[in-house]
Amino acid sequence: MTRASLSMVATAALLAACGHNPAGSDTLSPPDGTFQSAISSVTGPGVGGVSVTPQAVASKTFDAVIRVRVQRARPNSTYYVQRAPEVGRANGADGICQRALGQAPWSPADPPAASFITFPQPTSPGPLVALTTLADGSGSIEFEFGAAAIPAGTLFDVMFRLVDDVNAPAAELRSGCLTVTAK
């Protein structure tokens, strides 16, 4: 093997070890966290990951650090972070995420509830949580979220999505279903 061939093999091995895949990949490892899911495209380009790390708080209610990251999404674009939590109805922790999928007990035939809710809650103060991608389509965000109505020990399903418009999305990236335990 020539010196040039050895150099190319060594460079390829180092890039692979660092997680660089020049040919691209259909997945991206989720950020570190207790509960994790890959994010994939529903419409538009991009892959990513999300993690939810519940924290124990004095109020003994749900509080978590949420991390989201994407790659190969639309460049220089804003994506709003939304969730579809299943709390307070049957099948709330069965690992299916019926709310996000519009299935009973979250279908239009059931009491009204939006499929996805943009962070923060509509009744909470503060701006909507969004990440803006760089020129290469990568981006990430980390934020803390609490819900006083969810007591510690509660198990619930949640699915996340990133959309470019909260009312009429043209681009949507979606996670798998996570079953989270409030601390």
N, C-alpha and C. Protein backbone atom coordinates (compact mmCIF):
# COMPACT_ATOMS: atom_id res chain seq x y z
N MET A 1 0.85 -1.17 0.00
CA MET A 1 0.00 0.00 0.00
C MET A 1 0.91 1.24 0.00
N THR A 2 0.56 2.22 -0.81
CA THR A 2 1.38 3.43 -0.91
C THR A 2 1.12 4.33 0.28
N ARG A 3 2.03 5.28 0.44
CA ARG A 3 1.90 6.25 1.54
C ARG A 3 0.61 7.06 1.36
N ALA A 4 0.27 7.44 0.11
CA ALA A 4 -0.95 8.22 -0.15
C ALA A 4 -2.19 7.39 0.20
N SER A 5 -2.18 6.10 -0.13
CA SER A 5 -3.31 5.23 0.19
C SER A 5 -3.48 5.10 1.69
N LEU A 6 -2.38 4.92 2.42
CA LEU A 6 -2.43 4.84 3.88
C LEU A 6 -2.99 6.13 4.47
N SER A 7 -2.58 7.25 3.93
CA SER A 7 -3.05 8.54 4.41
C SER A 7 -4.56 8.68 4.20
N MET A 8 -5.06 8.27 3.05
CA MET A 8 -6.50 8.36 2.77
C MET A 8 -7.29 7.42 3.67
N VAL A 9 -6.78 6.21 3.90
CA VAL A 9 -7.45 5.26 4.79
C VAL A 9 -7.48 5.81 6.22
N ALA A 10 -6.39 6.36 6.68
CA ALA A 10 -6.32 6.92 8.03
C ALA A 10 -7.27 8.11 8.17
N THR A 11 -7.34 8.98 7.17
CA THR A 11 -8.24 10.13 7.21
C THR A 11 -9.69 9.66 7.25
N ALA A 12 -10.04 8.68 6.41
CA ALA A 12 -11.41 8.15 6.40
C ALA A 12 -11.77 7.54 7.76
N ALA A 13 -10.84 6.81 8.36
CA ALA A 13 -11.09 6.19 9.66
C ALA A 13 -11.29 7.25 10.73
N LEU A 14 -10.49 8.31 10.71
CA LEU A 14 -10.64 9.38 11.69
C LEU A 14 -11.97 10.10 11.52
N LEU A 15 -12.36 10.39 10.30
CA LEU A 15 -13.64 11.06 10.07
C LEU A 15 -14.80 10.19 10.52
N ALA A 16 -14.74 8.91 10.25
CA ALA A 16 -15.80 8.00 10.70
C ALA A 16 -15.85 7.95 12.22
N ALA A 17 -14.71 7.93 12.86
CA ALA A 17 -14.67 7.88 14.33
C ALA A 17 -15.24 9.15 14.95
N CYS A 18 -15.12 10.27 14.23
CA CYS A 18 -15.63 11.54 14.74
C CYS A 18 -17.10 11.74 14.41
N GLY A 19 -17.71 10.77 13.73
CA GLY A 19 -19.13 10.86 13.41
C GLY A 19 -19.41 11.58 12.11
N HIS A 20 -18.39 11.91 11.31
CA HIS A 20 -18.59 12.59 10.05
C HIS A 20 -18.88 11.56 8.98
N ASN A 21 -19.97 11.74 8.28
CA ASN A 21 -20.34 10.82 7.22
C ASN A 21 -20.53 11.63 5.95
N PRO A 22 -19.50 11.70 5.08
CA PRO A 22 -19.61 12.54 3.90
C PRO A 22 -20.73 12.15 2.97
N ALA A 23 -21.14 10.91 2.98
CA ALA A 23 -22.24 10.46 2.12
C ALA A 23 -23.60 10.81 2.71
N GLY A 24 -23.62 11.27 3.94
CA GLY A 24 -24.86 11.59 4.61
C GLY A 24 -25.42 10.38 5.33
N SER A 25 -26.47 10.60 6.10
CA SER A 25 -27.11 9.54 6.85
C SER A 25 -28.57 9.90 7.02
N ASP A 26 -29.38 8.89 7.20
CA ASP A 26 -30.80 9.13 7.41
C ASP A 26 -31.12 9.40 8.87
N THR A 27 -30.13 9.31 9.74
CA THR A 27 -30.35 9.55 11.17
C THR A 27 -29.22 10.38 11.75
N LEU A 28 -29.48 10.94 12.90
CA LEU A 28 -28.51 11.68 13.69
C LEU A 28 -28.75 11.26 15.14
N SER A 29 -27.68 10.94 15.84
CA SER A 29 -27.85 10.53 17.23
C SER A 29 -28.50 11.64 18.03
N PRO A 30 -29.46 11.29 18.89
CA PRO A 30 -30.10 12.31 19.73
C PRO A 30 -29.09 12.91 20.71
N PRO A 31 -29.36 14.10 21.21
CA PRO A 31 -28.50 14.70 22.24
C PRO A 31 -28.55 13.85 23.52
N ASP A 32 -27.55 14.01 24.37
CA ASP A 32 -27.53 13.31 25.66
C ASP A 32 -28.79 13.65 26.45
N GLY A 33 -29.33 12.67 27.14
CA GLY A 33 -30.49 12.89 27.97
C GLY A 33 -31.10 11.57 28.41
N THR A 34 -32.01 11.63 29.36
CA THR A 34 -32.64 10.44 29.93
C THR A 34 -33.52 9.71 28.92
N PHE A 35 -34.37 10.45 28.23
CA PHE A 35 -35.27 9.89 27.23
C PHE A 35 -34.89 10.51 25.89
N GLN A 36 -34.68 9.68 24.87
CA GLN A 36 -34.15 10.17 23.60
C GLN A 36 -34.93 9.60 22.42
N SER A 37 -34.94 10.37 21.33
CA SER A 37 -35.53 9.89 20.08
C SER A 37 -34.85 10.58 18.91
N ALA A 38 -34.74 9.84 17.82
CA ALA A 38 -34.31 10.44 16.56
C ALA A 38 -35.45 11.31 16.04
N ILE A 39 -35.11 12.28 15.20
CA ILE A 39 -36.09 13.12 14.52
C ILE A 39 -35.89 12.89 13.03
N SER A 40 -36.99 12.69 12.31
CA SER A 40 -36.89 12.49 10.86
C SER A 40 -37.87 13.43 10.15
N SER A 41 -37.69 13.56 8.86
CA SER A 41 -38.49 14.48 8.07
C SER A 41 -39.86 13.90 7.73
N VAL A 42 -40.88 14.72 7.91
CA VAL A 42 -42.21 14.41 7.42
C VAL A 42 -42.38 15.14 6.08
N THR A 43 -42.02 16.43 6.06
CA THR A 43 -41.96 17.22 4.84
C THR A 43 -40.73 18.11 4.92
N GLY A 44 -40.03 18.27 3.82
CA GLY A 44 -38.82 19.07 3.80
C GLY A 44 -37.62 18.26 4.25
N PRO A 45 -36.43 18.83 4.09
CA PRO A 45 -35.21 18.10 4.43
C PRO A 45 -34.89 18.15 5.92
N GLY A 46 -34.01 17.24 6.37
CA GLY A 46 -33.48 17.30 7.72
C GLY A 46 -33.60 16.01 8.50
N VAL A 47 -32.67 15.84 9.42
CA VAL A 47 -32.67 14.76 10.41
C VAL A 47 -32.25 15.39 11.73
N GLY A 48 -32.48 14.68 12.82
CA GLY A 48 -32.09 15.25 14.09
C GLY A 48 -32.35 14.32 15.24
N GLY A 49 -32.39 14.90 16.43
CA GLY A 49 -32.65 14.15 17.63
C GLY A 49 -33.17 15.06 18.72
N VAL A 50 -33.86 14.46 19.70
CA VAL A 50 -34.40 15.19 20.85
C VAL A 50 -34.15 14.36 22.09
N SER A 51 -33.91 15.04 23.21
CA SER A 51 -33.82 14.35 24.50
C SER A 51 -34.58 15.14 25.56
N VAL A 52 -35.12 14.40 26.53
CA VAL A 52 -35.85 14.98 27.65
C VAL A 52 -35.21 14.43 28.92
N THR A 53 -34.76 15.32 29.78
CA THR A 53 -34.15 14.91 31.05
C THR A 53 -34.94 15.54 32.20
N PRO A 54 -35.87 14.76 32.80
CA PRO A 54 -36.64 15.29 33.93
C PRO A 54 -35.73 15.59 35.12
N GLN A 55 -36.12 16.62 35.87
CA GLN A 55 -35.37 17.03 37.05
C GLN A 55 -36.31 17.05 38.25
N ALA A 56 -35.79 16.66 39.40
CA ALA A 56 -36.58 16.75 40.62
C ALA A 56 -36.60 18.22 41.06
N VAL A 57 -37.79 18.73 41.35
CA VAL A 57 -37.93 20.11 41.82
C VAL A 57 -38.74 20.11 43.10
N ALA A 58 -38.59 21.17 43.89
CA ALA A 58 -39.24 21.26 45.20
C ALA A 58 -40.76 21.12 45.11
N SER A 59 -41.35 21.60 44.03
CA SER A 59 -42.81 21.54 43.89
C SER A 59 -43.33 20.14 43.58
N LYS A 60 -42.40 19.19 43.34
CA LYS A 60 -42.78 17.81 43.00
C LYS A 60 -43.72 17.74 41.80
N THR A 61 -43.39 18.55 40.79
CA THR A 61 -44.12 18.56 39.53
C THR A 61 -43.13 18.39 38.39
N PHE A 62 -43.65 18.23 37.18
CA PHE A 62 -42.78 17.99 36.02
C PHE A 62 -41.91 19.19 35.69
N ASP A 63 -40.64 18.93 35.53
CA ASP A 63 -39.67 19.92 35.08
C ASP A 63 -38.60 19.15 34.32
N ALA A 64 -38.19 19.65 33.18
CA ALA A 64 -37.20 18.91 32.38
C ALA A 64 -36.36 19.85 31.54
N VAL A 65 -35.17 19.37 31.22
CA VAL A 65 -34.31 20.02 30.25
C VAL A 65 -34.55 19.29 28.93
N ILE A 66 -34.87 20.06 27.91
CA ILE A 66 -35.15 19.49 26.59
C ILE A 66 -34.07 19.98 25.63
N ARG A 67 -33.49 19.03 24.91
CA ARG A 67 -32.43 19.35 23.94
C ARG A 67 -32.88 18.86 22.56
N VAL A 68 -32.68 19.71 21.57
CA VAL A 68 -33.04 19.38 20.19
C VAL A 68 -31.87 19.76 19.30
N ARG A 69 -31.57 18.90 18.33
CA ARG A 69 -30.56 19.26 17.33
C ARG A 69 -30.97 18.69 15.98
N VAL A 70 -30.59 19.42 14.93
CA VAL A 70 -30.90 19.00 13.57
C VAL A 70 -29.69 19.20 12.67
N GLN A 71 -29.68 18.47 11.56
CA GLN A 71 -28.69 18.64 10.50
C GLN A 71 -29.41 18.48 9.17
N ARG A 72 -28.84 19.08 8.15
CA ARG A 72 -29.35 18.98 6.79
C ARG A 72 -30.81 19.43 6.66
N ALA A 73 -31.24 20.32 7.57
CA ALA A 73 -32.57 20.92 7.46
C ALA A 73 -32.44 22.14 6.52
N ARG A 74 -33.51 22.86 6.35
CA ARG A 74 -33.47 24.05 5.51
C ARG A 74 -32.47 25.05 6.10
N PRO A 75 -31.57 25.58 5.27
CA PRO A 75 -30.58 26.53 5.78
C PRO A 75 -31.21 27.86 6.19
N ASN A 76 -30.62 28.47 7.21
CA ASN A 76 -31.03 29.81 7.67
C ASN A 76 -32.54 29.89 7.88
N SER A 77 -33.11 28.88 8.50
CA SER A 77 -34.56 28.82 8.71
C SER A 77 -34.88 28.70 10.19
N THR A 78 -36.04 29.21 10.56
CA THR A 78 -36.51 29.11 11.93
C THR A 78 -37.51 27.95 12.02
N TYR A 79 -37.27 27.09 13.01
CA TYR A 79 -38.16 25.97 13.30
C TYR A 79 -38.70 26.14 14.72
N TYR A 80 -40.03 26.07 14.88
CA TYR A 80 -40.65 26.15 16.20
C TYR A 80 -40.72 24.76 16.80
N VAL A 81 -40.44 24.66 18.09
CA VAL A 81 -40.43 23.37 18.79
C VAL A 81 -41.81 23.16 19.40
N GLN A 82 -42.44 22.03 19.03
CA GLN A 82 -43.77 21.70 19.52
C GLN A 82 -43.77 20.32 20.17
N ARG A 83 -44.78 20.08 21.01
CA ARG A 83 -44.91 18.77 21.63
C ARG A 83 -46.38 18.37 21.64
N ALA A 84 -46.60 17.04 21.71
CA ALA A 84 -47.94 16.48 21.82
C ALA A 84 -47.94 15.55 23.03
N PRO A 85 -48.08 16.15 24.25
CA PRO A 85 -48.07 15.31 25.46
C PRO A 85 -49.41 14.63 25.68
N GLU A 86 -49.36 13.44 26.25
CA GLU A 86 -50.57 12.69 26.54
C GLU A 86 -50.72 12.55 28.05
N VAL A 87 -51.37 13.52 28.63
CA VAL A 87 -51.58 13.54 30.08
C VAL A 87 -53.07 13.68 30.34
N GLY A 88 -53.59 12.83 31.20
CA GLY A 88 -54.97 12.99 31.64
C GLY A 88 -56.03 12.26 30.82
N ARG A 89 -55.61 11.40 29.90
CA ARG A 89 -56.58 10.59 29.16
C ARG A 89 -56.11 9.15 29.15
N ALA A 90 -57.02 8.25 28.77
CA ALA A 90 -56.66 6.83 28.68
C ALA A 90 -55.49 6.64 27.73
N ASN A 91 -54.73 5.59 27.96
CA ASN A 91 -53.59 5.23 27.11
C ASN A 91 -52.50 6.31 27.09
N GLY A 92 -52.36 7.07 28.16
CA GLY A 92 -51.41 8.17 28.21
C GLY A 92 -49.96 7.76 28.28
N ALA A 93 -49.68 6.50 28.56
CA ALA A 93 -48.28 6.04 28.65
C ALA A 93 -48.14 4.66 28.04
N ASP A 94 -48.71 4.49 26.84
CA ASP A 94 -48.65 3.17 26.19
C ASP A 94 -47.61 3.11 25.07
N GLY A 95 -46.86 4.20 24.88
CA GLY A 95 -45.80 4.21 23.87
C GLY A 95 -46.27 4.38 22.44
N ILE A 96 -47.52 4.82 22.24
CA ILE A 96 -48.04 4.96 20.88
C ILE A 96 -48.17 6.42 20.43
N CYS A 97 -48.42 7.34 21.33
CA CYS A 97 -48.58 8.77 21.00
C CYS A 97 -49.79 9.02 20.10
N GLN A 98 -50.96 8.61 20.58
CA GLN A 98 -52.20 8.78 19.82
C GLN A 98 -52.51 10.25 19.56
N ARG A 99 -52.18 11.13 20.50
CA ARG A 99 -52.49 12.56 20.32
C ARG A 99 -51.83 13.09 19.05
N ALA A 100 -50.54 12.84 18.89
CA ALA A 100 -49.81 13.33 17.72
C ALA A 100 -50.33 12.71 16.43
N LEU A 101 -50.85 11.49 16.55
CA LEU A 101 -51.33 10.76 15.37
C LEU A 101 -52.83 10.97 15.10
N GLY A 102 -53.50 11.74 16.01
CA GLY A 102 -54.93 12.01 15.83
C GLY A 102 -55.81 10.80 16.06
N GLN A 103 -55.37 9.90 16.94
CA GLN A 103 -56.13 8.68 17.24
C GLN A 103 -56.82 8.81 18.59
N ALA A 104 -57.92 8.08 18.77
CA ALA A 104 -58.63 8.07 20.05
C ALA A 104 -57.66 7.65 21.16
N PRO A 105 -57.71 8.25 22.33
CA PRO A 105 -58.69 9.23 22.79
C PRO A 105 -58.31 10.67 22.46
N TRP A 106 -57.62 10.91 21.36
CA TRP A 106 -57.21 12.26 20.96
C TRP A 106 -57.72 12.61 19.57
N SER A 107 -58.68 11.89 19.07
CA SER A 107 -59.19 12.13 17.73
C SER A 107 -60.21 13.28 17.75
N PRO A 108 -60.62 13.77 16.60
CA PRO A 108 -61.62 14.85 16.56
C PRO A 108 -62.94 14.49 17.24
N ALA A 109 -63.23 13.20 17.40
CA ALA A 109 -64.47 12.78 18.06
C ALA A 109 -64.38 12.93 19.58
N ASP A 110 -63.18 13.10 20.11
CA ASP A 110 -62.97 13.24 21.55
C ASP A 110 -62.97 14.72 21.94
N PRO A 111 -62.99 15.04 23.26
CA PRO A 111 -62.95 16.45 23.66
C PRO A 111 -61.77 17.17 22.99
N PRO A 112 -61.97 18.41 22.58
CA PRO A 112 -60.95 19.13 21.81
C PRO A 112 -59.61 19.27 22.55
N ALA A 113 -58.56 19.08 21.80
CA ALA A 113 -57.19 19.33 22.26
C ALA A 113 -56.33 19.41 21.00
N ALA A 114 -55.50 20.44 20.94
CA ALA A 114 -54.60 20.57 19.78
C ALA A 114 -53.67 19.37 19.72
N SER A 115 -53.38 18.90 18.52
CA SER A 115 -52.45 17.77 18.38
C SER A 115 -51.08 18.15 18.93
N PHE A 116 -50.54 19.27 18.48
CA PHE A 116 -49.23 19.74 18.92
C PHE A 116 -49.35 21.13 19.52
N ILE A 117 -48.57 21.38 20.57
CA ILE A 117 -48.57 22.66 21.26
C ILE A 117 -47.15 23.22 21.17
N THR A 118 -47.05 24.49 20.79
CA THR A 118 -45.74 25.13 20.69
C THR A 118 -45.25 25.51 22.09
N PHE A 119 -43.99 25.26 22.39
CA PHE A 119 -43.39 25.71 23.65
C PHE A 119 -43.29 27.22 23.60
N PRO A 120 -43.50 27.99 24.66
CA PRO A 120 -44.09 27.56 25.93
C PRO A 120 -45.58 27.34 25.77
N GLN A 121 -46.23 26.93 26.85
CA GLN A 121 -47.67 26.75 26.78
C GLN A 121 -48.30 28.08 26.39
N PRO A 122 -49.41 28.01 25.66
CA PRO A 122 -50.04 29.26 25.24
C PRO A 122 -50.38 30.21 26.40
N THR A 123 -50.59 29.67 27.60
CA THR A 123 -50.92 30.52 28.75
C THR A 123 -49.68 31.00 29.49
N SER A 124 -48.50 30.55 29.08
CA SER A 124 -47.27 30.94 29.77
C SER A 124 -46.69 32.20 29.13
N PRO A 125 -46.04 33.01 29.94
CA PRO A 125 -45.38 34.18 29.36
C PRO A 125 -44.11 33.76 28.61
N GLY A 126 -43.68 34.61 27.74
CA GLY A 126 -42.43 34.34 27.05
C GLY A 126 -42.62 34.03 25.58
N PRO A 127 -41.54 34.13 24.83
CA PRO A 127 -41.62 33.88 23.39
C PRO A 127 -41.75 32.39 23.09
N LEU A 128 -42.17 32.08 21.87
CA LEU A 128 -42.23 30.69 21.44
C LEU A 128 -40.81 30.17 21.29
N VAL A 129 -40.60 28.90 21.64
CA VAL A 129 -39.27 28.30 21.56
C VAL A 129 -39.01 27.91 20.11
N ALA A 130 -37.89 28.40 19.58
CA ALA A 130 -37.54 28.12 18.19
C ALA A 130 -36.03 27.99 18.06
N LEU A 131 -35.62 27.25 17.05
CA LEU A 131 -34.20 27.21 16.72
C LEU A 131 -34.05 27.70 15.29
N THR A 132 -32.93 28.35 15.03
CA THR A 132 -32.64 28.84 13.68
C THR A 132 -31.43 28.09 13.17
N THR A 133 -31.58 27.52 11.99
CA THR A 133 -30.48 26.75 11.42
C THR A 133 -29.42 27.67 10.81
N LEU A 134 -28.22 27.13 10.72
CA LEU A 134 -27.11 27.82 10.09
C LEU A 134 -27.17 27.60 8.58
N ALA A 135 -26.22 28.16 7.87
CA ALA A 135 -26.18 28.04 6.41
C ALA A 135 -26.07 26.59 5.95
N ASP A 136 -25.52 25.71 6.80
CA ASP A 136 -25.39 24.29 6.42
C ASP A 136 -26.61 23.46 6.84
N GLY A 137 -27.64 24.11 7.41
CA GLY A 137 -28.85 23.40 7.82
C GLY A 137 -28.79 22.77 9.19
N SER A 138 -27.74 23.07 9.96
CA SER A 138 -27.63 22.51 11.31
C SER A 138 -28.10 23.54 12.34
N GLY A 139 -28.57 23.04 13.47
CA GLY A 139 -28.99 23.92 14.55
C GLY A 139 -29.31 23.11 15.79
N SER A 140 -29.31 23.80 16.93
CA SER A 140 -29.65 23.12 18.18
C SER A 140 -30.19 24.14 19.18
N ILE A 141 -30.90 23.61 20.15
CA ILE A 141 -31.44 24.44 21.23
C ILE A 141 -31.58 23.58 22.47
N GLU A 142 -31.39 24.19 23.62
CA GLU A 142 -31.60 23.54 24.91
C GLU A 142 -32.41 24.51 25.75
N PHE A 143 -33.47 24.00 26.40
CA PHE A 143 -34.29 24.85 27.24
C PHE A 143 -34.92 24.03 28.36
N GLU A 144 -35.37 24.71 29.39
CA GLU A 144 -36.04 24.06 30.51
C GLU A 144 -37.53 24.31 30.39
N PHE A 145 -38.31 23.28 30.71
CA PHE A 145 -39.76 23.40 30.66
C PHE A 145 -40.36 22.75 31.88
N GLY A 146 -41.33 23.42 32.49
CA GLY A 146 -42.03 22.88 33.65
C GLY A 146 -43.53 22.92 33.44
N ALA A 147 -44.22 21.97 34.04
CA ALA A 147 -45.68 21.92 33.96
C ALA A 147 -46.21 21.57 35.35
N ALA A 148 -46.73 22.56 36.05
CA ALA A 148 -47.21 22.37 37.42
C ALA A 148 -48.37 21.39 37.50
N ALA A 149 -49.08 21.17 36.41
CA ALA A 149 -50.24 20.27 36.42
C ALA A 149 -49.85 18.80 36.33
N ILE A 150 -48.55 18.51 36.13
CA ILE A 150 -48.11 17.12 36.02
C ILE A 150 -47.32 16.76 37.27
N PRO A 151 -47.89 15.96 38.19
CA PRO A 151 -47.19 15.63 39.43
C PRO A 151 -46.03 14.65 39.20
N ALA A 152 -45.06 14.71 40.09
CA ALA A 152 -43.93 13.78 40.06
C ALA A 152 -44.47 12.35 40.08
N GLY A 153 -43.80 11.46 39.35
CA GLY A 153 -44.20 10.06 39.28
C GLY A 153 -45.12 9.76 38.10
N THR A 154 -45.66 10.79 37.46
CA THR A 154 -46.55 10.59 36.33
C THR A 154 -45.76 10.09 35.11
N LEU A 155 -46.26 9.05 34.48
CA LEU A 155 -45.71 8.58 33.21
C LEU A 155 -46.62 9.09 32.10
N PHE A 156 -46.03 9.60 31.02
CA PHE A 156 -46.83 10.06 29.90
C PHE A 156 -46.04 9.96 28.60
N ASP A 157 -46.77 9.78 27.51
CA ASP A 157 -46.16 9.76 26.18
C ASP A 157 -46.08 11.18 25.66
N VAL A 158 -45.06 11.42 24.84
CA VAL A 158 -44.92 12.72 24.18
C VAL A 158 -44.18 12.53 22.86
N MET A 159 -44.62 13.26 21.86
CA MET A 159 -43.93 13.30 20.57
C MET A 159 -43.59 14.76 20.30
N PHE A 160 -42.45 14.99 19.69
CA PHE A 160 -42.00 16.35 19.37
C PHE A 160 -42.00 16.55 17.87
N ARG A 161 -42.16 17.81 17.48
CA ARG A 161 -41.97 18.15 16.08
C ARG A 161 -41.41 19.55 15.96
N LEU A 162 -40.73 19.79 14.86
CA LEU A 162 -40.20 21.10 14.51
C LEU A 162 -40.90 21.53 13.24
N VAL A 163 -41.46 22.73 13.23
CA VAL A 163 -42.17 23.24 12.06
C VAL A 163 -41.70 24.64 11.73
N ASP A 164 -41.75 24.98 10.45
CA ASP A 164 -41.33 26.31 10.03
C ASP A 164 -42.42 27.36 10.19
N ASP A 165 -43.66 26.94 10.40
CA ASP A 165 -44.78 27.86 10.59
C ASP A 165 -45.77 27.14 11.52
N VAL A 166 -46.18 27.80 12.61
CA VAL A 166 -47.04 27.13 13.58
C VAL A 166 -48.47 26.92 13.07
N ASN A 167 -48.91 27.71 12.09
CA ASN A 167 -50.28 27.58 11.58
C ASN A 167 -50.38 26.74 10.31
N ALA A 168 -49.40 26.87 9.42
CA ALA A 168 -49.44 26.14 8.14
C ALA A 168 -48.03 25.69 7.77
N PRO A 169 -47.52 24.66 8.45
CA PRO A 169 -46.13 24.24 8.20
C PRO A 169 -45.91 23.72 6.78
N ALA A 170 -44.81 24.18 6.19
CA ALA A 170 -44.36 23.64 4.90
C ALA A 170 -43.22 22.67 5.12
N ALA A 171 -42.57 22.78 6.28
CA ALA A 171 -41.49 21.86 6.66
C ALA A 171 -41.81 21.31 8.05
N GLU A 172 -41.68 19.98 8.20
CA GLU A 172 -41.95 19.35 9.49
C GLU A 172 -40.97 18.21 9.72
N LEU A 173 -40.33 18.26 10.88
CA LEU A 173 -39.46 17.18 11.36
C LEU A 173 -40.13 16.63 12.61
N ARG A 174 -40.17 15.29 12.77
CA ARG A 174 -40.92 14.71 13.88
C ARG A 174 -40.12 13.63 14.59
N SER A 175 -40.26 13.58 15.91
CA SER A 175 -39.61 12.54 16.71
C SER A 175 -40.46 11.29 16.75
N GLY A 176 -39.90 10.26 17.34
CA GLY A 176 -40.68 9.08 17.68
C GLY A 176 -41.43 9.36 18.98
N CYS A 177 -42.14 8.37 19.45
CA CYS A 177 -42.90 8.50 20.69
C CYS A 177 -42.00 8.18 21.88
N LEU A 178 -41.97 9.08 22.87
CA LEU A 178 -41.21 8.87 24.10
C LEU A 178 -42.18 8.68 25.26
N THR A 179 -41.91 7.75 26.15
CA THR A 179 -42.67 7.65 27.39
C THR A 179 -41.77 8.18 28.50
N VAL A 180 -42.18 9.31 29.07
CA VAL A 180 -41.39 10.07 30.04
C VAL A 180 -41.96 9.89 31.43
N THR A 181 -41.10 9.87 32.43
CA THR A 181 -41.51 9.82 33.83
C THR A 181 -41.13 11.12 34.50
N ALA A 182 -42.12 11.83 35.06
CA ALA A 182 -41.84 13.07 35.80
C ALA A 182 -41.17 12.71 37.12
N LYS A 183 -40.15 13.48 37.50
CA LYS A 183 -39.45 13.24 38.77
C LYS A 183 -40.08 14.04 39.89
